[in-house]
Amino acid sequence: CVAHAGPWSRAKGEVFLSLSAERDRDGNSYTGLYGEYGLRSGQTLGFELGRSNVGETSAMIWWQRALDRGEGPNRLTFSTGMGVLERDGKLVSLAQIGAAWGRGFDSLPVLRDVPGGGWLAIDARVKLANSNEVEPDRTPDANGRWSSRQTYLTPKTTAKAEVTLGWNATSSLKLINQLRLEDRDDTGFAAKLASSVVRDLAGPAKIELGVVMKLTGEG
């Protein structure tokens, strides 16, 4: 998923929706619908619906609570969620727990002088899939040939951390760089760099376009 609540909670009654799609050069793809709703001060309710090209359909609902009091430069949140995954006609239960920290440029040395301002955030979470199935592998053999078996998008255990640096380049344009770290029980550790541009459209609508580059691990 390319969108997460992060350390800033939604105001009471505020709604956020995001439709996203991601595709790589090998034809693997993921489409997701993501939403947030501000329950009350410091509490946000969210959901995510997703579909991958390897035959996984998932649904998750989560709740986030602010751990700070809205005072000072630091923003800190805790979240927990549960959901279900449909894979090959079978249902798999999902659970997720996470935490996030963030600060604006105005409270960070050096970055406070950047025109337009921006934000720095760290988001970490662990997702568990209650499945006893042996997940298929899709890694190249010694000759560089790919197996016909596919790798599931959701393994039994996934730990993720995302470090985001966002800059308000203009009043209607944002530049976002994100370091994505992931450790899966099936393919191991991987690191990616995601860079994107967010542009304001009419009204509250925005469009985000970007690329993801593998640094290490599975692509």
N, C-alpha and C. Protein backbone atom coordinates (compact mmCIF):
# COMPACT_ATOMS: atom_id res chain seq x y z
N CYS A 1 0.83 -1.18 0.00
CA CYS A 1 0.00 0.00 0.00
C CYS A 1 0.88 1.24 0.00
N VAL A 2 0.47 2.31 -0.78
CA VAL A 2 1.28 3.50 -0.87
C VAL A 2 0.82 4.59 0.09
N ALA A 3 -0.26 4.38 0.79
CA ALA A 3 -0.75 5.41 1.70
C ALA A 3 -0.95 4.84 3.08
N HIS A 4 -0.52 5.64 4.09
CA HIS A 4 -0.73 5.24 5.47
C HIS A 4 -0.99 6.48 6.29
N ALA A 5 -1.70 6.30 7.40
CA ALA A 5 -2.08 7.45 8.21
C ALA A 5 -0.85 8.16 8.77
N GLY A 6 0.19 7.39 9.15
CA GLY A 6 1.36 8.01 9.71
C GLY A 6 1.08 8.61 11.07
N PRO A 7 1.92 9.55 11.50
CA PRO A 7 1.78 10.09 12.85
C PRO A 7 0.77 11.22 13.00
N TRP A 8 0.15 11.69 11.93
CA TRP A 8 -0.81 12.77 12.01
C TRP A 8 -2.24 12.23 11.89
N SER A 9 -3.01 12.41 12.95
CA SER A 9 -4.38 11.90 12.98
C SER A 9 -5.31 12.81 12.21
N ARG A 10 -6.41 12.23 11.70
CA ARG A 10 -7.44 13.02 11.04
C ARG A 10 -8.27 13.76 12.08
N ALA A 11 -8.68 14.99 11.73
CA ALA A 11 -9.56 15.74 12.61
C ALA A 11 -10.94 15.08 12.65
N LYS A 12 -11.69 15.31 13.69
CA LYS A 12 -13.00 14.70 13.85
C LYS A 12 -13.89 15.00 12.64
N GLY A 13 -14.45 13.95 12.04
CA GLY A 13 -15.33 14.09 10.90
C GLY A 13 -14.63 14.24 9.57
N GLU A 14 -13.31 14.35 9.56
CA GLU A 14 -12.56 14.52 8.32
C GLU A 14 -12.41 13.18 7.60
N VAL A 15 -12.53 13.19 6.27
CA VAL A 15 -12.46 11.97 5.46
C VAL A 15 -11.33 12.09 4.45
N PHE A 16 -10.61 10.99 4.26
CA PHE A 16 -9.57 10.91 3.23
C PHE A 16 -9.74 9.60 2.47
N LEU A 17 -9.71 9.68 1.13
CA LEU A 17 -9.81 8.49 0.29
C LEU A 17 -8.69 8.49 -0.74
N SER A 18 -8.17 7.30 -1.04
CA SER A 18 -7.10 7.18 -2.02
C SER A 18 -7.28 5.92 -2.84
N LEU A 19 -7.24 6.06 -4.16
CA LEU A 19 -7.25 4.92 -5.08
C LEU A 19 -5.87 4.83 -5.70
N SER A 20 -5.21 3.68 -5.56
CA SER A 20 -3.83 3.57 -6.02
C SER A 20 -3.63 2.32 -6.87
N ALA A 21 -2.62 2.38 -7.73
CA ALA A 21 -2.25 1.23 -8.56
C ALA A 21 -0.74 1.24 -8.72
N GLU A 22 -0.14 0.05 -8.64
CA GLU A 22 1.31 -0.09 -8.77
C GLU A 22 1.59 -1.28 -9.70
N ARG A 23 2.57 -1.12 -10.58
CA ARG A 23 2.89 -2.17 -11.55
C ARG A 23 4.38 -2.16 -11.83
N ASP A 24 4.99 -3.36 -11.96
CA ASP A 24 6.41 -3.41 -12.27
C ASP A 24 6.64 -3.91 -13.69
N ARG A 25 7.90 -3.95 -14.10
CA ARG A 25 8.23 -4.28 -15.49
C ARG A 25 7.97 -5.75 -15.82
N ASP A 26 7.79 -6.59 -14.78
CA ASP A 26 7.48 -8.00 -15.01
C ASP A 26 5.98 -8.26 -15.08
N GLY A 27 5.17 -7.21 -14.95
CA GLY A 27 3.73 -7.38 -15.04
C GLY A 27 3.03 -7.59 -13.71
N ASN A 28 3.77 -7.65 -12.60
CA ASN A 28 3.13 -7.77 -11.29
C ASN A 28 2.44 -6.46 -10.94
N SER A 29 1.26 -6.56 -10.33
CA SER A 29 0.50 -5.35 -10.07
C SER A 29 -0.30 -5.46 -8.78
N TYR A 30 -0.67 -4.30 -8.25
CA TYR A 30 -1.50 -4.22 -7.05
C TYR A 30 -2.38 -2.99 -7.17
N THR A 31 -3.67 -3.14 -6.85
CA THR A 31 -4.62 -2.04 -6.86
C THR A 31 -5.27 -1.97 -5.49
N GLY A 32 -5.36 -0.77 -4.93
CA GLY A 32 -5.90 -0.65 -3.58
C GLY A 32 -6.81 0.55 -3.43
N LEU A 33 -7.79 0.42 -2.54
CA LEU A 33 -8.66 1.52 -2.13
C LEU A 33 -8.44 1.72 -0.64
N TYR A 34 -8.07 2.93 -0.25
CA TYR A 34 -7.67 3.23 1.12
C TYR A 34 -8.51 4.39 1.64
N GLY A 35 -8.90 4.34 2.91
CA GLY A 35 -9.70 5.42 3.47
C GLY A 35 -9.40 5.66 4.93
N GLU A 36 -9.63 6.90 5.37
CA GLU A 36 -9.47 7.29 6.77
C GLU A 36 -10.67 8.15 7.18
N TYR A 37 -11.03 8.05 8.46
CA TYR A 37 -12.11 8.89 9.02
C TYR A 37 -11.73 9.29 10.43
N GLY A 38 -11.81 10.58 10.72
CA GLY A 38 -11.49 11.08 12.05
C GLY A 38 -12.64 10.82 13.02
N LEU A 39 -12.43 9.89 13.96
CA LEU A 39 -13.47 9.56 14.93
C LEU A 39 -13.68 10.68 15.93
N ARG A 40 -12.61 11.06 16.58
CA ARG A 40 -12.60 12.18 17.52
C ARG A 40 -11.15 12.58 17.72
N SER A 41 -10.93 13.54 18.58
CA SER A 41 -9.58 14.07 18.75
C SER A 41 -8.57 12.96 19.02
N GLY A 42 -7.58 12.84 18.14
CA GLY A 42 -6.50 11.88 18.32
C GLY A 42 -6.81 10.46 17.92
N GLN A 43 -8.00 10.20 17.35
CA GLN A 43 -8.36 8.84 16.96
C GLN A 43 -8.83 8.81 15.50
N THR A 44 -8.30 7.86 14.77
CA THR A 44 -8.62 7.73 13.35
C THR A 44 -9.00 6.28 13.05
N LEU A 45 -10.06 6.10 12.27
CA LEU A 45 -10.49 4.79 11.80
C LEU A 45 -10.17 4.69 10.32
N GLY A 46 -9.61 3.56 9.90
CA GLY A 46 -9.24 3.42 8.51
C GLY A 46 -9.53 2.04 7.95
N PHE A 47 -9.49 1.94 6.62
CA PHE A 47 -9.67 0.66 5.96
C PHE A 47 -8.81 0.62 4.71
N GLU A 48 -8.56 -0.62 4.24
CA GLU A 48 -7.84 -0.81 2.99
C GLU A 48 -8.37 -2.06 2.29
N LEU A 49 -8.74 -1.91 1.04
CA LEU A 49 -9.13 -3.02 0.19
C LEU A 49 -8.08 -3.16 -0.90
N GLY A 50 -7.63 -4.39 -1.17
CA GLY A 50 -6.58 -4.56 -2.15
C GLY A 50 -6.77 -5.80 -3.00
N ARG A 51 -6.18 -5.75 -4.19
CA ARG A 51 -6.23 -6.88 -5.13
C ARG A 51 -4.91 -6.94 -5.87
N SER A 52 -4.27 -8.14 -5.89
CA SER A 52 -3.02 -8.31 -6.60
C SER A 52 -3.21 -9.23 -7.79
N ASN A 53 -2.25 -9.20 -8.72
CA ASN A 53 -2.38 -10.01 -9.92
C ASN A 53 -2.12 -11.49 -9.65
N VAL A 54 -1.60 -11.85 -8.46
CA VAL A 54 -1.34 -13.25 -8.15
C VAL A 54 -2.55 -13.90 -7.47
N GLY A 55 -3.69 -13.22 -7.49
CA GLY A 55 -4.92 -13.84 -7.01
C GLY A 55 -5.24 -13.62 -5.55
N GLU A 56 -4.73 -12.56 -4.95
CA GLU A 56 -5.03 -12.24 -3.56
C GLU A 56 -5.96 -11.03 -3.50
N THR A 57 -7.03 -11.16 -2.72
CA THR A 57 -7.92 -10.04 -2.42
C THR A 57 -7.95 -9.87 -0.91
N SER A 58 -7.70 -8.66 -0.44
CA SER A 58 -7.60 -8.44 1.00
C SER A 58 -8.47 -7.28 1.45
N ALA A 59 -8.87 -7.32 2.72
CA ALA A 59 -9.64 -6.25 3.35
C ALA A 59 -9.15 -6.11 4.78
N MET A 60 -8.84 -4.90 5.20
CA MET A 60 -8.37 -4.67 6.56
C MET A 60 -8.97 -3.38 7.10
N ILE A 61 -9.35 -3.41 8.37
CA ILE A 61 -9.82 -2.22 9.06
C ILE A 61 -8.90 -2.00 10.26
N TRP A 62 -8.56 -0.75 10.53
CA TRP A 62 -7.62 -0.46 11.60
C TRP A 62 -8.04 0.79 12.37
N TRP A 63 -7.50 0.89 13.57
CA TRP A 63 -7.78 2.02 14.46
C TRP A 63 -6.46 2.60 14.95
N GLN A 64 -6.37 3.90 14.92
CA GLN A 64 -5.13 4.58 15.33
C GLN A 64 -5.42 5.59 16.43
N ARG A 65 -4.52 5.66 17.40
CA ARG A 65 -4.66 6.61 18.50
C ARG A 65 -3.37 7.40 18.66
N ALA A 66 -3.51 8.70 18.87
CA ALA A 66 -2.35 9.55 19.11
C ALA A 66 -1.84 9.33 20.52
N LEU A 67 -0.53 9.20 20.67
CA LEU A 67 0.09 9.03 21.98
C LEU A 67 0.61 10.36 22.53
N ASP A 68 0.70 11.37 21.67
CA ASP A 68 1.08 12.71 22.14
C ASP A 68 -0.19 13.49 22.48
N ARG A 69 -0.04 14.63 23.07
CA ARG A 69 -1.18 15.47 23.45
C ARG A 69 -1.42 16.61 22.47
N GLY A 70 -0.78 16.50 21.31
CA GLY A 70 -0.92 17.56 20.34
C GLY A 70 -0.07 18.77 20.65
N GLU A 71 0.85 18.63 21.62
CA GLU A 71 1.71 19.73 22.01
C GLU A 71 3.16 19.38 21.67
N GLY A 72 3.96 20.40 21.40
CA GLY A 72 5.35 20.17 21.07
C GLY A 72 5.53 19.74 19.63
N PRO A 73 6.78 19.53 19.20
CA PRO A 73 7.06 19.24 17.79
C PRO A 73 6.81 17.80 17.37
N ASN A 74 6.84 16.86 18.32
CA ASN A 74 6.74 15.45 17.97
C ASN A 74 5.30 14.96 17.88
N ARG A 75 5.05 14.10 16.89
CA ARG A 75 3.76 13.44 16.76
C ARG A 75 4.01 11.95 16.80
N LEU A 76 3.27 11.25 17.65
CA LEU A 76 3.47 9.83 17.87
C LEU A 76 2.13 9.12 17.95
N THR A 77 1.98 8.02 17.20
CA THR A 77 0.73 7.29 17.18
C THR A 77 0.97 5.79 17.30
N PHE A 78 -0.08 5.10 17.74
CA PHE A 78 -0.10 3.64 17.83
C PHE A 78 -1.32 3.16 17.07
N SER A 79 -1.21 2.05 16.34
CA SER A 79 -2.34 1.55 15.58
C SER A 79 -2.44 0.03 15.66
N THR A 80 -3.63 -0.47 15.50
CA THR A 80 -3.86 -1.91 15.45
C THR A 80 -4.97 -2.18 14.46
N GLY A 81 -4.89 -3.32 13.78
CA GLY A 81 -5.89 -3.63 12.77
C GLY A 81 -6.09 -5.12 12.60
N MET A 82 -7.18 -5.46 11.95
CA MET A 82 -7.48 -6.85 11.64
C MET A 82 -8.20 -6.91 10.31
N GLY A 83 -8.11 -8.07 9.66
CA GLY A 83 -8.75 -8.19 8.36
C GLY A 83 -8.76 -9.62 7.88
N VAL A 84 -9.02 -9.77 6.59
CA VAL A 84 -9.12 -11.10 5.99
C VAL A 84 -8.54 -11.05 4.58
N LEU A 85 -7.98 -12.17 4.17
CA LEU A 85 -7.37 -12.31 2.85
C LEU A 85 -7.97 -13.53 2.16
N GLU A 86 -8.40 -13.34 0.91
CA GLU A 86 -8.91 -14.46 0.12
C GLU A 86 -7.83 -14.88 -0.86
N ARG A 87 -7.43 -16.16 -0.77
CA ARG A 87 -6.34 -16.68 -1.59
C ARG A 87 -6.71 -18.08 -2.07
N ASP A 88 -6.80 -18.27 -3.38
CA ASP A 88 -7.12 -19.58 -3.96
C ASP A 88 -8.39 -20.17 -3.38
N GLY A 89 -9.39 -19.31 -3.16
CA GLY A 89 -10.68 -19.76 -2.64
C GLY A 89 -10.71 -19.98 -1.15
N LYS A 90 -9.61 -19.71 -0.44
CA LYS A 90 -9.55 -19.90 1.01
C LYS A 90 -9.38 -18.54 1.70
N LEU A 91 -9.94 -18.43 2.91
CA LEU A 91 -9.85 -17.20 3.68
C LEU A 91 -8.74 -17.32 4.72
N VAL A 92 -7.95 -16.28 4.83
CA VAL A 92 -6.85 -16.21 5.79
C VAL A 92 -7.04 -14.96 6.63
N SER A 93 -7.01 -15.10 7.96
CA SER A 93 -7.17 -13.94 8.83
C SER A 93 -5.87 -13.15 8.91
N LEU A 94 -5.99 -11.83 9.07
CA LEU A 94 -4.85 -10.93 9.14
C LEU A 94 -4.90 -10.11 10.43
N ALA A 95 -3.74 -9.78 10.96
CA ALA A 95 -3.63 -8.89 12.11
C ALA A 95 -2.44 -7.97 11.89
N GLN A 96 -2.56 -6.73 12.37
CA GLN A 96 -1.49 -5.76 12.15
C GLN A 96 -1.36 -4.86 13.37
N ILE A 97 -0.12 -4.50 13.70
CA ILE A 97 0.15 -3.56 14.77
C ILE A 97 1.24 -2.62 14.29
N GLY A 98 1.15 -1.33 14.65
CA GLY A 98 2.12 -0.39 14.14
C GLY A 98 2.28 0.83 15.03
N ALA A 99 3.31 1.61 14.75
CA ALA A 99 3.58 2.85 15.45
C ALA A 99 4.23 3.81 14.47
N ALA A 100 4.03 5.11 14.70
CA ALA A 100 4.60 6.11 13.78
C ALA A 100 5.02 7.35 14.56
N TRP A 101 6.08 7.98 14.05
CA TRP A 101 6.59 9.23 14.63
C TRP A 101 6.82 10.23 13.51
N GLY A 102 6.61 11.52 13.79
CA GLY A 102 6.84 12.52 12.77
C GLY A 102 7.07 13.90 13.34
N ARG A 103 7.75 14.74 12.53
CA ARG A 103 7.98 16.14 12.89
C ARG A 103 7.96 16.97 11.62
N GLY A 104 7.56 18.22 11.75
CA GLY A 104 7.62 19.14 10.63
C GLY A 104 9.00 19.73 10.49
N PHE A 105 9.33 20.26 9.30
CA PHE A 105 10.63 20.86 9.06
C PHE A 105 10.92 22.01 10.02
N ASP A 106 9.86 22.72 10.45
CA ASP A 106 10.07 23.90 11.28
C ASP A 106 10.68 23.58 12.63
N SER A 107 10.69 22.30 13.02
CA SER A 107 11.26 21.91 14.31
C SER A 107 12.53 21.07 14.15
N LEU A 108 13.07 21.02 12.93
CA LEU A 108 14.26 20.21 12.68
C LEU A 108 15.44 21.10 12.27
N PRO A 109 16.62 20.92 12.90
CA PRO A 109 17.79 21.70 12.50
C PRO A 109 18.09 21.52 11.01
N VAL A 110 18.61 22.54 10.38
CA VAL A 110 18.96 22.57 8.96
C VAL A 110 17.70 22.60 8.09
N LEU A 111 16.81 21.61 8.28
CA LEU A 111 15.62 21.53 7.44
C LEU A 111 14.64 22.67 7.70
N ARG A 112 14.72 23.31 8.86
CA ARG A 112 13.79 24.39 9.16
C ARG A 112 13.96 25.58 8.21
N ASP A 113 15.11 25.65 7.55
CA ASP A 113 15.37 26.76 6.63
C ASP A 113 14.98 26.45 5.19
N VAL A 114 14.47 25.23 4.93
CA VAL A 114 14.06 24.87 3.58
C VAL A 114 12.79 25.64 3.20
N PRO A 115 12.79 26.37 2.09
CA PRO A 115 11.59 27.13 1.70
C PRO A 115 10.38 26.21 1.49
N GLY A 116 9.24 26.62 1.97
CA GLY A 116 8.01 25.86 1.80
C GLY A 116 7.74 24.87 2.92
N GLY A 117 8.81 24.42 3.59
CA GLY A 117 8.63 23.48 4.69
C GLY A 117 8.34 22.07 4.21
N GLY A 118 8.14 21.18 5.14
CA GLY A 118 7.87 19.79 4.81
C GLY A 118 7.76 18.96 6.07
N TRP A 119 8.03 17.67 5.98
CA TRP A 119 7.88 16.79 7.13
C TRP A 119 8.80 15.58 7.01
N LEU A 120 9.11 15.01 8.19
CA LEU A 120 9.89 13.79 8.29
C LEU A 120 9.08 12.82 9.15
N ALA A 121 8.94 11.58 8.68
CA ALA A 121 8.12 10.61 9.42
C ALA A 121 8.75 9.23 9.33
N ILE A 122 8.56 8.45 10.39
CA ILE A 122 8.97 7.05 10.42
C ILE A 122 7.76 6.22 10.81
N ASP A 123 7.41 5.25 9.98
CA ASP A 123 6.24 4.41 10.19
C ASP A 123 6.69 2.96 10.21
N ALA A 124 6.40 2.24 11.30
CA ALA A 124 6.80 0.83 11.42
C ALA A 124 5.58 -0.01 11.76
N ARG A 125 5.48 -1.21 11.18
CA ARG A 125 4.34 -2.08 11.46
C ARG A 125 4.71 -3.54 11.19
N VAL A 126 3.98 -4.41 11.83
CA VAL A 126 4.14 -5.85 11.65
C VAL A 126 2.79 -6.43 11.27
N LYS A 127 2.76 -7.24 10.21
CA LYS A 127 1.52 -7.87 9.75
C LYS A 127 1.67 -9.38 9.83
N LEU A 128 0.64 -10.04 10.36
CA LEU A 128 0.64 -11.49 10.50
C LEU A 128 -0.52 -12.07 9.72
N ALA A 129 -0.26 -13.15 8.97
CA ALA A 129 -1.30 -13.87 8.24
C ALA A 129 -1.40 -15.27 8.84
N ASN A 130 -2.58 -15.63 9.32
CA ASN A 130 -2.78 -16.92 9.98
C ASN A 130 -3.01 -18.00 8.93
N SER A 131 -1.90 -18.46 8.34
CA SER A 131 -1.99 -19.46 7.28
C SER A 131 -1.00 -20.58 7.54
N ASN A 132 -1.45 -21.81 7.36
CA ASN A 132 -0.57 -22.98 7.51
C ASN A 132 -0.06 -23.48 6.17
N GLU A 133 -0.42 -22.78 5.11
CA GLU A 133 0.00 -23.21 3.78
C GLU A 133 1.48 -22.89 3.56
N VAL A 134 2.13 -23.73 2.79
CA VAL A 134 3.50 -23.44 2.36
C VAL A 134 3.41 -22.52 1.16
N GLU A 135 3.95 -21.34 1.28
CA GLU A 135 3.81 -20.36 0.22
C GLU A 135 4.76 -20.66 -0.93
N PRO A 136 4.32 -20.53 -2.16
CA PRO A 136 5.16 -20.82 -3.31
C PRO A 136 6.30 -19.83 -3.46
N ASP A 137 7.33 -20.28 -4.10
CA ASP A 137 8.51 -19.45 -4.29
C ASP A 137 8.57 -19.01 -5.75
N ARG A 138 9.14 -17.83 -5.98
CA ARG A 138 9.36 -17.38 -7.35
C ARG A 138 10.70 -16.65 -7.40
N THR A 139 11.75 -17.45 -7.35
CA THR A 139 13.10 -16.89 -7.38
C THR A 139 13.88 -17.56 -8.49
N PRO A 140 14.84 -16.88 -9.07
CA PRO A 140 15.60 -17.46 -10.18
C PRO A 140 16.50 -18.59 -9.70
N ASP A 141 16.69 -19.59 -10.58
CA ASP A 141 17.59 -20.68 -10.22
C ASP A 141 19.03 -20.28 -10.54
N ALA A 142 19.95 -21.26 -10.46
CA ALA A 142 21.37 -20.97 -10.67
C ALA A 142 21.64 -20.45 -12.08
N ASN A 143 20.77 -20.80 -13.03
CA ASN A 143 20.94 -20.36 -14.42
C ASN A 143 20.20 -19.07 -14.72
N GLY A 144 19.59 -18.49 -13.68
CA GLY A 144 18.87 -17.24 -13.88
C GLY A 144 17.46 -17.41 -14.40
N ARG A 145 16.97 -18.67 -14.49
CA ARG A 145 15.61 -18.90 -14.97
C ARG A 145 14.63 -18.77 -13.83
N TRP A 146 13.43 -18.23 -14.14
CA TRP A 146 12.42 -18.02 -13.12
C TRP A 146 11.50 -19.23 -13.00
N SER A 147 11.12 -19.54 -11.79
CA SER A 147 10.17 -20.61 -11.56
C SER A 147 8.80 -20.17 -12.02
N SER A 148 7.96 -21.12 -12.43
CA SER A 148 6.60 -20.80 -12.85
C SER A 148 5.70 -20.54 -11.67
N ARG A 149 6.16 -20.87 -10.47
CA ARG A 149 5.36 -20.63 -9.29
C ARG A 149 5.44 -19.17 -8.89
N GLN A 150 4.36 -18.63 -8.32
CA GLN A 150 4.31 -17.23 -7.97
C GLN A 150 4.52 -17.03 -6.47
N THR A 151 5.06 -15.88 -6.12
CA THR A 151 5.21 -15.52 -4.72
C THR A 151 3.97 -14.75 -4.28
N TYR A 152 3.39 -15.15 -3.16
CA TYR A 152 2.24 -14.42 -2.64
C TYR A 152 2.66 -13.03 -2.18
N LEU A 153 1.72 -12.09 -2.31
CA LEU A 153 2.00 -10.74 -1.87
C LEU A 153 2.06 -10.68 -0.35
N THR A 154 1.29 -11.51 0.34
CA THR A 154 1.22 -11.48 1.80
C THR A 154 1.75 -12.77 2.39
N PRO A 155 2.96 -12.77 2.96
CA PRO A 155 3.49 -13.97 3.61
C PRO A 155 2.92 -14.10 5.02
N LYS A 156 3.39 -15.10 5.78
CA LYS A 156 2.88 -15.29 7.14
C LYS A 156 3.26 -14.13 8.05
N THR A 157 4.49 -13.65 7.92
CA THR A 157 4.96 -12.55 8.77
C THR A 157 5.68 -11.51 7.92
N THR A 158 5.31 -10.25 8.09
CA THR A 158 5.96 -9.16 7.39
C THR A 158 6.22 -8.02 8.37
N ALA A 159 7.46 -7.56 8.44
CA ALA A 159 7.81 -6.39 9.23
C ALA A 159 8.26 -5.30 8.27
N LYS A 160 7.67 -4.10 8.41
CA LYS A 160 7.98 -3.01 7.50
C LYS A 160 8.34 -1.75 8.28
N ALA A 161 9.20 -0.96 7.69
CA ALA A 161 9.53 0.37 8.21
C ALA A 161 9.68 1.31 7.02
N GLU A 162 9.09 2.48 7.13
CA GLU A 162 9.16 3.46 6.04
C GLU A 162 9.63 4.79 6.61
N VAL A 163 10.67 5.35 6.02
CA VAL A 163 11.18 6.66 6.40
C VAL A 163 10.83 7.63 5.28
N THR A 164 10.01 8.63 5.59
CA THR A 164 9.48 9.53 4.57
C THR A 164 9.98 10.94 4.78
N LEU A 165 10.47 11.55 3.71
CA LEU A 165 10.89 12.95 3.70
C LEU A 165 10.07 13.66 2.63
N GLY A 166 9.19 14.55 3.07
CA GLY A 166 8.32 15.26 2.14
C GLY A 166 8.62 16.74 2.12
N TRP A 167 8.53 17.34 0.95
CA TRP A 167 8.83 18.77 0.79
C TRP A 167 7.69 19.45 0.05
N ASN A 168 7.21 20.56 0.60
CA ASN A 168 6.19 21.38 -0.05
C ASN A 168 6.90 22.32 -1.03
N ALA A 169 7.15 21.83 -2.23
CA ALA A 169 7.93 22.60 -3.21
C ALA A 169 7.23 23.90 -3.57
N THR A 170 5.91 23.84 -3.79
CA THR A 170 5.09 25.02 -4.03
C THR A 170 3.78 24.83 -3.28
N SER A 171 2.89 25.78 -3.41
CA SER A 171 1.59 25.67 -2.72
C SER A 171 0.74 24.54 -3.28
N SER A 172 1.06 24.06 -4.49
CA SER A 172 0.24 23.02 -5.11
C SER A 172 1.06 21.79 -5.52
N LEU A 173 2.33 21.73 -5.12
CA LEU A 173 3.20 20.64 -5.56
C LEU A 173 4.05 20.14 -4.38
N LYS A 174 4.03 18.82 -4.16
CA LYS A 174 4.84 18.20 -3.12
C LYS A 174 5.77 17.16 -3.73
N LEU A 175 6.98 17.07 -3.21
CA LEU A 175 7.93 16.04 -3.61
C LEU A 175 8.16 15.12 -2.41
N ILE A 176 8.04 13.81 -2.62
CA ILE A 176 8.14 12.86 -1.53
C ILE A 176 9.17 11.79 -1.86
N ASN A 177 10.10 11.58 -0.94
CA ASN A 177 11.07 10.49 -1.04
C ASN A 177 10.87 9.57 0.15
N GLN A 178 10.83 8.27 -0.11
CA GLN A 178 10.53 7.31 0.95
C GLN A 178 11.46 6.11 0.84
N LEU A 179 12.13 5.79 1.94
CA LEU A 179 12.93 4.58 2.04
C LEU A 179 12.07 3.50 2.66
N ARG A 180 11.86 2.41 1.92
CA ARG A 180 11.00 1.32 2.36
C ARG A 180 11.85 0.10 2.72
N LEU A 181 11.78 -0.32 3.96
CA LEU A 181 12.49 -1.50 4.44
C LEU A 181 11.46 -2.57 4.77
N GLU A 182 11.72 -3.80 4.34
CA GLU A 182 10.77 -4.89 4.54
C GLU A 182 11.51 -6.19 4.83
N ASP A 183 11.04 -6.92 5.83
CA ASP A 183 11.61 -8.23 6.15
C ASP A 183 10.48 -9.25 6.18
N ARG A 184 10.50 -10.17 5.20
CA ARG A 184 9.46 -11.19 5.08
C ARG A 184 10.03 -12.56 5.46
N ASP A 185 9.16 -13.42 5.98
CA ASP A 185 9.66 -14.74 6.36
C ASP A 185 9.88 -15.65 5.16
N ASP A 186 9.42 -15.23 3.96
CA ASP A 186 9.62 -16.08 2.79
C ASP A 186 10.76 -15.62 1.89
N THR A 187 10.96 -14.33 1.75
CA THR A 187 12.00 -13.83 0.84
C THR A 187 13.09 -13.04 1.55
N GLY A 188 12.97 -12.82 2.87
CA GLY A 188 14.01 -12.13 3.61
C GLY A 188 13.91 -10.61 3.52
N PHE A 189 15.05 -9.96 3.70
CA PHE A 189 15.10 -8.50 3.80
C PHE A 189 15.20 -7.87 2.41
N ALA A 190 14.54 -6.72 2.26
CA ALA A 190 14.61 -5.95 1.02
C ALA A 190 14.50 -4.47 1.34
N ALA A 191 15.13 -3.65 0.52
CA ALA A 191 15.07 -2.20 0.67
C ALA A 191 14.76 -1.58 -0.68
N LYS A 192 13.89 -0.57 -0.67
CA LYS A 192 13.51 0.13 -1.89
C LYS A 192 13.47 1.62 -1.63
N LEU A 193 13.63 2.39 -2.67
CA LEU A 193 13.50 3.84 -2.61
C LEU A 193 12.35 4.25 -3.51
N ALA A 194 11.36 4.93 -2.95
CA ALA A 194 10.19 5.38 -3.70
C ALA A 194 10.20 6.90 -3.76
N SER A 195 10.12 7.45 -4.95
CA SER A 195 10.08 8.90 -5.14
C SER A 195 8.85 9.26 -5.95
N SER A 196 8.13 10.30 -5.51
CA SER A 196 6.90 10.67 -6.20
C SER A 196 6.65 12.16 -6.14
N VAL A 197 5.76 12.60 -7.01
CA VAL A 197 5.34 14.00 -7.08
C VAL A 197 3.84 14.03 -6.85
N VAL A 198 3.38 14.92 -5.98
CA VAL A 198 1.95 15.08 -5.69
C VAL A 198 1.51 16.45 -6.18
N ARG A 199 0.49 16.47 -7.02
CA ARG A 199 0.02 17.72 -7.61
C ARG A 199 -1.46 17.93 -7.27
N ASP A 200 -1.80 19.16 -6.87
CA ASP A 200 -3.19 19.49 -6.60
C ASP A 200 -3.99 19.53 -7.90
N LEU A 201 -5.21 18.98 -7.85
CA LEU A 201 -6.15 19.08 -8.96
C LEU A 201 -7.29 20.00 -8.52
N ALA A 202 -8.46 19.84 -9.11
CA ALA A 202 -9.60 20.66 -8.73
C ALA A 202 -10.12 20.27 -7.35
N GLY A 203 -10.50 21.26 -6.56
CA GLY A 203 -11.07 20.99 -5.25
C GLY A 203 -10.09 20.28 -4.34
N PRO A 204 -10.56 19.26 -3.60
CA PRO A 204 -9.67 18.55 -2.68
C PRO A 204 -8.86 17.44 -3.33
N ALA A 205 -9.05 17.21 -4.63
CA ALA A 205 -8.41 16.08 -5.30
C ALA A 205 -6.93 16.35 -5.58
N LYS A 206 -6.13 15.28 -5.48
CA LYS A 206 -4.71 15.34 -5.79
C LYS A 206 -4.34 14.10 -6.61
N ILE A 207 -3.26 14.20 -7.36
CA ILE A 207 -2.74 13.06 -8.10
C ILE A 207 -1.27 12.87 -7.73
N GLU A 208 -0.88 11.61 -7.55
CA GLU A 208 0.50 11.28 -7.19
C GLU A 208 1.06 10.30 -8.21
N LEU A 209 2.22 10.61 -8.76
CA LEU A 209 2.89 9.74 -9.72
C LEU A 209 4.32 9.53 -9.24
N GLY A 210 4.78 8.28 -9.31
CA GLY A 210 6.14 8.02 -8.83
C GLY A 210 6.70 6.71 -9.32
N VAL A 211 7.93 6.45 -8.91
CA VAL A 211 8.62 5.22 -9.27
C VAL A 211 9.23 4.61 -8.01
N VAL A 212 9.42 3.28 -8.04
CA VAL A 212 10.03 2.56 -6.93
C VAL A 212 11.27 1.83 -7.47
N MET A 213 12.40 2.03 -6.82
CA MET A 213 13.65 1.43 -7.26
C MET A 213 14.17 0.47 -6.19
N LYS A 214 14.53 -0.73 -6.62
CA LYS A 214 15.09 -1.71 -5.69
C LYS A 214 16.51 -1.32 -5.30
N LEU A 215 16.80 -1.35 -4.00
CA LEU A 215 18.15 -1.13 -3.50
C LEU A 215 18.84 -2.44 -3.17
N THR A 216 18.11 -3.35 -2.52
CA THR A 216 18.66 -4.65 -2.19
C THR A 216 17.51 -5.62 -1.95
N GLY A 217 17.77 -6.91 -2.10
CA GLY A 217 16.75 -7.91 -1.89
C GLY A 217 15.90 -8.14 -3.13
N GLU A 218 14.73 -8.77 -2.92
CA GLU A 218 13.82 -9.07 -4.02
C GLU A 218 13.29 -7.80 -4.66
N GLY A 219 13.14 -7.79 -5.98
CA GLY A 219 12.63 -6.63 -6.70
C GLY A 219 11.14 -6.57 -6.66
